[in-house]
N, C-alpha and C. Protein backbone atom coordinates (compact mmCIF):
# COMPACT_ATOMS: atom_id res chain seq x y z
N MET A 1 0.83 -1.18 0.00
CA MET A 1 0.00 0.00 0.00
C MET A 1 0.87 1.25 0.00
N LYS A 2 1.95 1.21 0.80
CA LYS A 2 2.85 2.35 0.87
C LYS A 2 3.52 2.58 -0.48
N ASP A 3 3.87 1.50 -1.14
CA ASP A 3 4.48 1.62 -2.47
C ASP A 3 3.51 2.26 -3.47
N PHE A 4 2.25 1.89 -3.38
CA PHE A 4 1.26 2.46 -4.29
C PHE A 4 1.23 3.97 -4.17
N PHE A 5 1.17 4.50 -2.96
CA PHE A 5 1.13 5.95 -2.76
C PHE A 5 2.44 6.62 -3.16
N GLU A 6 3.55 5.96 -2.92
CA GLU A 6 4.85 6.51 -3.32
C GLU A 6 4.93 6.64 -4.84
N LYS A 7 4.46 5.63 -5.55
CA LYS A 7 4.54 5.61 -7.01
C LYS A 7 3.53 6.56 -7.66
N ASN A 8 2.43 6.89 -6.96
CA ASN A 8 1.35 7.68 -7.57
C ASN A 8 1.12 9.02 -6.87
N LYS A 9 2.15 9.61 -6.31
CA LYS A 9 2.01 10.89 -5.60
C LYS A 9 1.41 11.97 -6.50
N ILE A 10 1.96 12.12 -7.67
CA ILE A 10 1.52 13.22 -8.56
C ILE A 10 0.07 13.02 -9.02
N PRO A 11 -0.30 11.85 -9.55
CA PRO A 11 -1.72 11.70 -9.95
C PRO A 11 -2.69 11.86 -8.78
N ILE A 12 -2.31 11.36 -7.61
CA ILE A 12 -3.18 11.50 -6.44
C ILE A 12 -3.29 12.98 -6.05
N SER A 13 -2.21 13.71 -6.11
CA SER A 13 -2.24 15.15 -5.79
C SER A 13 -3.13 15.90 -6.76
N ILE A 14 -3.07 15.55 -8.05
CA ILE A 14 -3.91 16.20 -9.06
C ILE A 14 -5.39 15.90 -8.79
N ILE A 15 -5.70 14.68 -8.46
CA ILE A 15 -7.09 14.30 -8.17
C ILE A 15 -7.61 15.04 -6.94
N VAL A 16 -6.80 15.10 -5.88
CA VAL A 16 -7.21 15.80 -4.66
C VAL A 16 -7.44 17.30 -4.96
N ALA A 17 -6.53 17.90 -5.70
CA ALA A 17 -6.67 19.32 -6.05
C ALA A 17 -7.94 19.55 -6.87
N ALA A 18 -8.21 18.66 -7.82
CA ALA A 18 -9.41 18.79 -8.65
C ALA A 18 -10.68 18.67 -7.81
N LEU A 19 -10.67 17.76 -6.86
CA LEU A 19 -11.83 17.60 -5.97
C LEU A 19 -12.04 18.85 -5.11
N ILE A 20 -10.98 19.43 -4.62
CA ILE A 20 -11.09 20.65 -3.81
C ILE A 20 -11.64 21.80 -4.64
N ILE A 21 -11.13 21.96 -5.85
CA ILE A 21 -11.62 23.03 -6.73
C ILE A 21 -13.08 22.80 -7.09
N ALA A 22 -13.43 21.57 -7.47
CA ALA A 22 -14.81 21.27 -7.83
C ALA A 22 -15.75 21.50 -6.64
N GLY A 23 -15.31 21.11 -5.45
CA GLY A 23 -16.13 21.32 -4.26
C GLY A 23 -16.34 22.79 -3.97
N SER A 24 -15.29 23.59 -4.16
CA SER A 24 -15.42 25.04 -3.95
C SER A 24 -16.40 25.65 -4.92
N ILE A 25 -16.31 25.26 -6.18
CA ILE A 25 -17.24 25.77 -7.20
C ILE A 25 -18.66 25.35 -6.87
N TRP A 26 -18.84 24.09 -6.51
CA TRP A 26 -20.18 23.60 -6.19
C TRP A 26 -20.78 24.36 -5.00
N LEU A 27 -19.97 24.58 -3.95
CA LEU A 27 -20.47 25.29 -2.77
C LEU A 27 -20.82 26.74 -3.09
N SER A 28 -20.01 27.40 -3.90
CA SER A 28 -20.32 28.80 -4.22
C SER A 28 -21.58 28.89 -5.06
N ASN A 29 -21.79 27.97 -5.98
CA ASN A 29 -23.03 27.98 -6.77
C ASN A 29 -24.23 27.58 -5.93
N ARG A 30 -24.03 26.66 -5.01
CA ARG A 30 -25.13 26.21 -4.15
C ARG A 30 -25.63 27.33 -3.26
N SER A 31 -24.72 28.09 -2.64
CA SER A 31 -25.16 29.16 -1.74
C SER A 31 -25.87 30.25 -2.51
N ALA A 32 -25.47 30.51 -3.76
CA ALA A 32 -26.15 31.53 -4.56
C ALA A 32 -27.52 31.05 -4.99
N SER A 33 -27.66 29.76 -5.32
CA SER A 33 -28.95 29.28 -5.80
C SER A 33 -29.95 29.05 -4.69
N THR A 34 -29.49 28.86 -3.45
CA THR A 34 -30.42 28.64 -2.35
C THR A 34 -30.77 29.93 -1.63
N ARG A 35 -30.10 31.03 -1.97
CA ARG A 35 -30.40 32.32 -1.35
C ARG A 35 -31.74 32.80 -1.87
N PRO A 36 -32.66 33.22 -1.02
CA PRO A 36 -33.96 33.69 -1.50
C PRO A 36 -33.78 34.86 -2.45
N GLN A 37 -34.49 34.80 -3.55
CA GLN A 37 -34.45 35.88 -4.51
C GLN A 37 -35.58 36.85 -4.23
N SER A 38 -35.41 38.07 -4.66
CA SER A 38 -36.42 39.10 -4.46
C SER A 38 -37.74 38.63 -5.07
N GLY A 39 -38.77 38.57 -4.28
CA GLY A 39 -40.10 38.18 -4.76
C GLY A 39 -40.36 36.70 -4.71
N SER A 40 -39.41 35.89 -4.27
CA SER A 40 -39.59 34.45 -4.33
C SER A 40 -40.72 33.97 -3.44
N ASP A 41 -41.00 34.64 -2.33
CA ASP A 41 -42.09 34.22 -1.46
C ASP A 41 -43.45 34.46 -2.10
N ARG A 42 -43.47 35.23 -3.12
CA ARG A 42 -44.75 35.57 -3.75
C ARG A 42 -44.96 34.83 -5.05
N GLY A 43 -44.02 34.00 -5.43
CA GLY A 43 -44.16 33.24 -6.66
C GLY A 43 -44.06 34.11 -7.90
N LEU A 44 -43.32 35.20 -7.84
CA LEU A 44 -43.19 36.09 -8.98
C LEU A 44 -42.21 35.51 -9.98
N THR A 45 -42.49 35.74 -11.26
CA THR A 45 -41.57 35.33 -12.30
C THR A 45 -40.47 36.37 -12.42
N PRO A 46 -39.34 36.04 -13.03
CA PRO A 46 -38.27 37.04 -13.17
C PRO A 46 -38.73 38.32 -13.86
N GLN A 47 -39.68 38.21 -14.79
CA GLN A 47 -40.17 39.40 -15.48
C GLN A 47 -40.97 40.32 -14.56
N GLN A 48 -41.54 39.77 -13.48
CA GLN A 48 -42.35 40.56 -12.56
C GLN A 48 -41.54 41.17 -11.42
N LEU A 49 -40.28 40.78 -11.29
CA LEU A 49 -39.46 41.29 -10.20
C LEU A 49 -39.03 42.72 -10.48
N PRO A 50 -38.88 43.53 -9.42
CA PRO A 50 -38.43 44.90 -9.63
C PRO A 50 -37.02 44.91 -10.20
N THR A 51 -36.78 45.81 -11.15
CA THR A 51 -35.47 45.88 -11.77
C THR A 51 -34.67 47.08 -11.29
N THR A 52 -35.32 47.98 -10.60
CA THR A 52 -34.61 49.15 -10.11
C THR A 52 -34.81 49.29 -8.62
N VAL A 53 -33.90 49.97 -7.98
CA VAL A 53 -34.01 50.26 -6.57
C VAL A 53 -34.42 51.72 -6.43
N GLU A 54 -35.42 51.96 -5.59
CA GLU A 54 -35.88 53.32 -5.39
C GLU A 54 -34.80 54.13 -4.68
N PRO A 55 -34.44 55.29 -5.22
CA PRO A 55 -33.44 56.10 -4.53
C PRO A 55 -34.01 56.69 -3.25
N LEU A 56 -33.15 56.86 -2.25
CA LEU A 56 -33.60 57.49 -1.02
C LEU A 56 -33.77 58.98 -1.30
N GLN A 57 -34.88 59.51 -0.94
CA GLN A 57 -35.16 60.92 -1.13
C GLN A 57 -36.07 61.39 -0.01
N GLU A 58 -36.24 62.66 0.10
CA GLU A 58 -37.13 63.20 1.12
C GLU A 58 -38.57 62.94 0.68
N PRO A 59 -39.39 62.38 1.57
CA PRO A 59 -40.79 62.14 1.20
C PRO A 59 -41.53 63.46 1.07
N THR A 60 -42.49 63.46 0.16
CA THR A 60 -43.29 64.68 -0.03
C THR A 60 -44.38 64.79 1.02
N ILE A 61 -44.79 63.66 1.58
CA ILE A 61 -45.84 63.68 2.60
C ILE A 61 -45.49 62.77 3.76
N ARG A 62 -46.08 63.05 4.93
CA ARG A 62 -45.96 62.20 6.11
C ARG A 62 -47.38 61.82 6.51
N ILE A 63 -47.63 60.51 6.60
CA ILE A 63 -48.98 60.03 6.88
C ILE A 63 -48.95 58.88 7.87
N SER A 64 -50.13 58.56 8.41
CA SER A 64 -50.30 57.38 9.24
C SER A 64 -50.47 56.17 8.32
N TYR A 65 -50.11 54.98 8.80
CA TYR A 65 -50.26 53.78 7.98
C TYR A 65 -51.71 53.56 7.55
N THR A 66 -52.67 54.07 8.32
CA THR A 66 -54.08 53.90 7.95
C THR A 66 -54.47 54.75 6.73
N GLU A 67 -53.67 55.76 6.42
CA GLU A 67 -53.94 56.62 5.27
C GLU A 67 -53.25 56.14 3.99
N ALA A 68 -52.41 55.14 4.07
CA ALA A 68 -51.63 54.67 2.93
C ALA A 68 -52.46 54.31 1.69
N PRO A 69 -53.66 53.71 1.84
CA PRO A 69 -54.42 53.38 0.64
C PRO A 69 -54.76 54.59 -0.24
N GLU A 70 -54.84 55.76 0.36
CA GLU A 70 -55.17 56.95 -0.44
C GLU A 70 -53.93 57.55 -1.11
N HIS A 71 -52.76 56.97 -0.87
CA HIS A 71 -51.52 57.57 -1.38
C HIS A 71 -50.67 56.61 -2.20
N VAL A 72 -51.30 55.60 -2.80
CA VAL A 72 -50.58 54.65 -3.64
C VAL A 72 -49.97 55.42 -4.82
N GLY A 73 -48.73 55.11 -5.10
CA GLY A 73 -48.02 55.77 -6.19
C GLY A 73 -47.22 56.98 -5.74
N GLU A 74 -47.33 57.33 -4.46
CA GLU A 74 -46.62 58.49 -3.94
C GLU A 74 -45.43 58.04 -3.10
N TYR A 75 -44.41 58.87 -3.10
CA TYR A 75 -43.24 58.65 -2.24
C TYR A 75 -43.58 59.31 -0.92
N ALA A 76 -43.63 58.55 0.15
CA ALA A 76 -44.13 59.08 1.42
C ALA A 76 -43.38 58.52 2.61
N CYS A 77 -43.61 59.15 3.74
CA CYS A 77 -43.15 58.67 5.03
C CYS A 77 -44.39 58.19 5.77
N VAL A 78 -44.46 56.89 6.04
CA VAL A 78 -45.63 56.28 6.65
C VAL A 78 -45.27 55.89 8.09
N ALA A 79 -46.06 56.37 9.04
CA ALA A 79 -45.78 56.12 10.45
C ALA A 79 -46.84 55.21 11.08
N GLY A 80 -46.39 54.41 12.04
CA GLY A 80 -47.32 53.56 12.77
C GLY A 80 -46.58 52.70 13.77
N ARG A 81 -47.35 52.09 14.66
CA ARG A 81 -46.79 51.21 15.69
C ARG A 81 -46.80 49.78 15.15
N VAL A 82 -45.65 49.14 15.20
CA VAL A 82 -45.50 47.78 14.68
C VAL A 82 -46.10 46.79 15.66
N ASP A 83 -47.03 45.97 15.18
CA ASP A 83 -47.64 44.94 16.01
C ASP A 83 -46.73 43.71 16.10
N HIS A 84 -46.26 43.24 14.94
CA HIS A 84 -45.35 42.10 14.96
C HIS A 84 -44.55 42.05 13.66
N VAL A 85 -43.44 41.30 13.75
CA VAL A 85 -42.54 41.10 12.62
C VAL A 85 -42.51 39.60 12.34
N TYR A 86 -42.65 39.24 11.08
CA TYR A 86 -42.67 37.83 10.70
C TYR A 86 -41.60 37.59 9.63
N THR A 87 -40.80 36.54 9.81
CA THR A 87 -39.82 36.15 8.82
C THR A 87 -40.24 34.81 8.24
N SER A 88 -40.42 34.77 6.93
CA SER A 88 -40.86 33.53 6.27
C SER A 88 -39.72 32.53 6.19
N GLU A 89 -40.06 31.30 5.77
CA GLU A 89 -39.05 30.25 5.62
C GLU A 89 -37.99 30.63 4.59
N LYS A 90 -38.39 31.43 3.60
CA LYS A 90 -37.46 31.83 2.54
C LYS A 90 -36.68 33.09 2.91
N GLY A 91 -36.92 33.64 4.09
CA GLY A 91 -36.14 34.78 4.55
C GLY A 91 -36.76 36.15 4.31
N THR A 92 -37.94 36.19 3.72
CA THR A 92 -38.61 37.47 3.52
C THR A 92 -39.19 37.94 4.85
N ILE A 93 -39.00 39.23 5.15
CA ILE A 93 -39.44 39.80 6.42
C ILE A 93 -40.68 40.65 6.16
N PHE A 94 -41.71 40.44 6.97
CA PHE A 94 -42.94 41.22 6.88
C PHE A 94 -43.12 42.00 8.18
N ILE A 95 -43.25 43.30 8.08
CA ILE A 95 -43.49 44.15 9.24
C ILE A 95 -44.97 44.52 9.21
N ASN A 96 -45.69 44.11 10.26
CA ASN A 96 -47.14 44.27 10.29
C ASN A 96 -47.57 45.25 11.38
N PHE A 97 -48.58 46.04 11.06
CA PHE A 97 -49.07 47.06 11.98
C PHE A 97 -50.34 46.64 12.71
N ARG A 98 -50.87 45.49 12.35
CA ARG A 98 -52.05 44.93 13.03
C ARG A 98 -51.80 43.45 13.28
N PRO A 99 -52.50 42.87 14.28
CA PRO A 99 -52.30 41.45 14.57
C PRO A 99 -52.59 40.55 13.36
N ASP A 100 -53.61 40.90 12.58
CA ASP A 100 -53.94 40.13 11.38
C ASP A 100 -53.53 40.94 10.17
N TYR A 101 -52.44 40.55 9.54
CA TYR A 101 -51.92 41.32 8.40
C TYR A 101 -52.94 41.44 7.27
N LYS A 102 -53.85 40.49 7.17
CA LYS A 102 -54.85 40.53 6.09
C LYS A 102 -55.79 41.71 6.22
N THR A 103 -56.01 42.19 7.44
CA THR A 103 -56.92 43.32 7.63
C THR A 103 -56.18 44.65 7.75
N SER A 104 -54.86 44.61 7.66
CA SER A 104 -54.08 45.83 7.79
C SER A 104 -54.14 46.63 6.50
N PRO A 105 -54.30 47.95 6.61
CA PRO A 105 -54.37 48.77 5.41
C PRO A 105 -53.01 49.05 4.78
N PHE A 106 -51.94 48.52 5.38
CA PHE A 106 -50.60 48.81 4.89
C PHE A 106 -49.63 47.76 5.40
N GLY A 107 -48.63 47.44 4.60
CA GLY A 107 -47.61 46.49 5.02
C GLY A 107 -46.23 46.92 4.57
N VAL A 108 -45.23 46.29 5.18
CA VAL A 108 -43.84 46.56 4.84
C VAL A 108 -43.18 45.22 4.56
N VAL A 109 -42.40 45.16 3.47
CA VAL A 109 -41.75 43.92 3.06
C VAL A 109 -40.26 44.17 2.89
N ILE A 110 -39.47 43.21 3.38
CA ILE A 110 -38.03 43.19 3.13
C ILE A 110 -37.76 41.83 2.52
N PHE A 111 -37.41 41.81 1.24
CA PHE A 111 -37.18 40.53 0.58
C PHE A 111 -35.92 39.87 1.13
N GLY A 112 -35.88 38.56 1.04
CA GLY A 112 -34.76 37.79 1.56
C GLY A 112 -33.42 38.25 1.02
N SER A 113 -33.40 38.73 -0.21
CA SER A 113 -32.14 39.18 -0.81
C SER A 113 -31.59 40.42 -0.12
N ASP A 114 -32.43 41.15 0.61
CA ASP A 114 -31.99 42.35 1.33
C ASP A 114 -32.02 42.16 2.84
N ALA A 115 -32.47 41.02 3.32
CA ALA A 115 -32.65 40.80 4.76
C ALA A 115 -31.36 40.96 5.55
N TYR A 116 -30.23 40.63 4.94
CA TYR A 116 -28.96 40.75 5.67
C TYR A 116 -28.67 42.20 6.07
N LYS A 117 -29.29 43.14 5.40
CA LYS A 117 -29.08 44.56 5.72
C LYS A 117 -29.84 44.97 6.99
N PHE A 118 -30.76 44.12 7.42
CA PHE A 118 -31.60 44.39 8.59
C PHE A 118 -31.36 43.27 9.60
N PRO A 119 -30.23 43.30 10.32
CA PRO A 119 -29.82 42.16 11.15
C PRO A 119 -30.75 41.84 12.32
N ASN A 120 -31.54 42.79 12.79
CA ASN A 120 -32.41 42.52 13.93
C ASN A 120 -33.80 43.11 13.67
N PRO A 121 -34.56 42.53 12.76
CA PRO A 121 -35.86 43.11 12.43
C PRO A 121 -36.86 43.08 13.59
N ASN A 122 -36.68 42.17 14.53
CA ASN A 122 -37.62 42.09 15.66
C ASN A 122 -37.52 43.30 16.59
N GLN A 123 -36.47 44.10 16.44
CA GLN A 123 -36.33 45.30 17.26
C GLN A 123 -37.47 46.30 17.02
N TYR A 124 -38.17 46.16 15.89
CA TYR A 124 -39.25 47.10 15.56
C TYR A 124 -40.57 46.76 16.25
N GLU A 125 -40.70 45.52 16.74
CA GLU A 125 -41.95 45.11 17.39
C GLU A 125 -42.27 46.01 18.58
N GLY A 126 -43.52 46.50 18.59
CA GLY A 126 -43.99 47.33 19.69
C GLY A 126 -43.52 48.77 19.62
N LYS A 127 -42.75 49.10 18.60
CA LYS A 127 -42.23 50.46 18.48
C LYS A 127 -42.97 51.22 17.38
N THR A 128 -43.00 52.53 17.51
CA THR A 128 -43.53 53.36 16.44
C THR A 128 -42.39 53.63 15.47
N VAL A 129 -42.64 53.37 14.20
CA VAL A 129 -41.61 53.52 13.17
C VAL A 129 -42.11 54.44 12.06
N GLU A 130 -41.16 54.97 11.33
CA GLU A 130 -41.45 55.72 10.11
C GLU A 130 -40.80 54.97 8.96
N ILE A 131 -41.60 54.65 7.96
CA ILE A 131 -41.14 53.92 6.79
C ILE A 131 -41.18 54.89 5.61
N THR A 132 -40.08 55.02 4.91
CA THR A 132 -40.02 55.94 3.78
C THR A 132 -39.82 55.16 2.49
N GLY A 133 -40.63 55.49 1.49
CA GLY A 133 -40.50 54.82 0.19
C GLY A 133 -41.70 55.05 -0.67
N LEU A 134 -41.68 54.42 -1.82
CA LEU A 134 -42.78 54.51 -2.77
C LEU A 134 -43.88 53.53 -2.35
N ILE A 135 -45.08 54.03 -2.18
CA ILE A 135 -46.21 53.17 -1.79
C ILE A 135 -46.73 52.50 -3.06
N LYS A 136 -46.65 51.18 -3.08
CA LYS A 136 -47.14 50.38 -4.20
C LYS A 136 -48.21 49.43 -3.67
N THR A 137 -48.87 48.75 -4.56
CA THR A 137 -49.83 47.74 -4.11
C THR A 137 -49.36 46.36 -4.53
N TYR A 138 -49.68 45.40 -3.68
CA TYR A 138 -49.48 43.99 -3.99
C TYR A 138 -50.75 43.28 -3.58
N GLN A 139 -51.39 42.65 -4.54
CA GLN A 139 -52.67 41.98 -4.33
C GLN A 139 -53.67 42.92 -3.68
N GLY A 140 -53.69 44.17 -4.15
CA GLY A 140 -54.67 45.15 -3.69
C GLY A 140 -54.36 45.82 -2.38
N ARG A 141 -53.23 45.49 -1.76
CA ARG A 141 -52.89 46.07 -0.47
C ARG A 141 -51.66 46.97 -0.58
N PRO A 142 -51.73 48.19 -0.07
CA PRO A 142 -50.57 49.09 -0.14
C PRO A 142 -49.40 48.58 0.70
N GLU A 143 -48.20 48.81 0.18
CA GLU A 143 -47.01 48.40 0.90
C GLU A 143 -45.82 49.22 0.43
N ILE A 144 -44.78 49.19 1.25
CA ILE A 144 -43.49 49.73 0.86
C ILE A 144 -42.49 48.60 0.99
N VAL A 145 -41.67 48.43 -0.03
CA VAL A 145 -40.61 47.43 -0.01
C VAL A 145 -39.33 48.13 0.46
N LEU A 146 -38.75 47.60 1.52
CA LEU A 146 -37.51 48.17 2.05
C LEU A 146 -36.31 47.44 1.45
N ASN A 147 -35.35 48.21 0.98
CA ASN A 147 -34.10 47.61 0.52
C ASN A 147 -32.89 48.33 1.09
N ASP A 148 -33.15 49.29 1.98
CA ASP A 148 -32.08 50.05 2.62
C ASP A 148 -32.50 50.37 4.06
N PRO A 149 -31.64 50.12 5.04
CA PRO A 149 -32.00 50.41 6.44
C PRO A 149 -32.36 51.87 6.69
N GLY A 150 -31.91 52.76 5.84
CA GLY A 150 -32.25 54.17 5.98
C GLY A 150 -33.72 54.47 5.74
N GLN A 151 -34.45 53.49 5.21
CA GLN A 151 -35.88 53.68 4.95
C GLN A 151 -36.75 53.47 6.18
N ILE A 152 -36.18 52.97 7.26
CA ILE A 152 -36.98 52.73 8.46
C ILE A 152 -36.28 53.40 9.66
N LYS A 153 -37.08 54.12 10.43
CA LYS A 153 -36.55 54.78 11.62
C LYS A 153 -37.50 54.54 12.79
N ILE A 154 -36.92 54.23 13.95
CA ILE A 154 -37.72 54.08 15.17
C ILE A 154 -37.91 55.48 15.74
N LYS A 155 -39.16 55.80 16.09
CA LYS A 155 -39.47 57.12 16.67
C LYS A 155 -39.72 57.00 18.15
């Protein structure tokens, strides 16, 4: 057995190196493919995913979360007390202002691809926050998608 390894040092070294390189490539591709993509919790196709990031700017209006339905399409600062924060299995974070998100007039979403920017989302529970961004609708409900920590402030 010792003779076998002595005679085949170079081929064995090449095989080991190839396995290490292949394993590194496989792991890097695996972590990228298993990372939640923006919109993945909603079953969106790539064509439906947002292609641009909203720039941070001063909101033109400041409103309560209950007024958000009247301001869809506007860049605003929306204030309210957070009831609870929910993180889905895919890593998408939902910040809810009422116990039942289905009856809430407004929601906040942080997609899994941006969740790393918000290391402690549960810190918002029970606090009054201001959310800044473009108010859009998803399935008829107004929401702001956060992709920068500067869009949320605890008051």
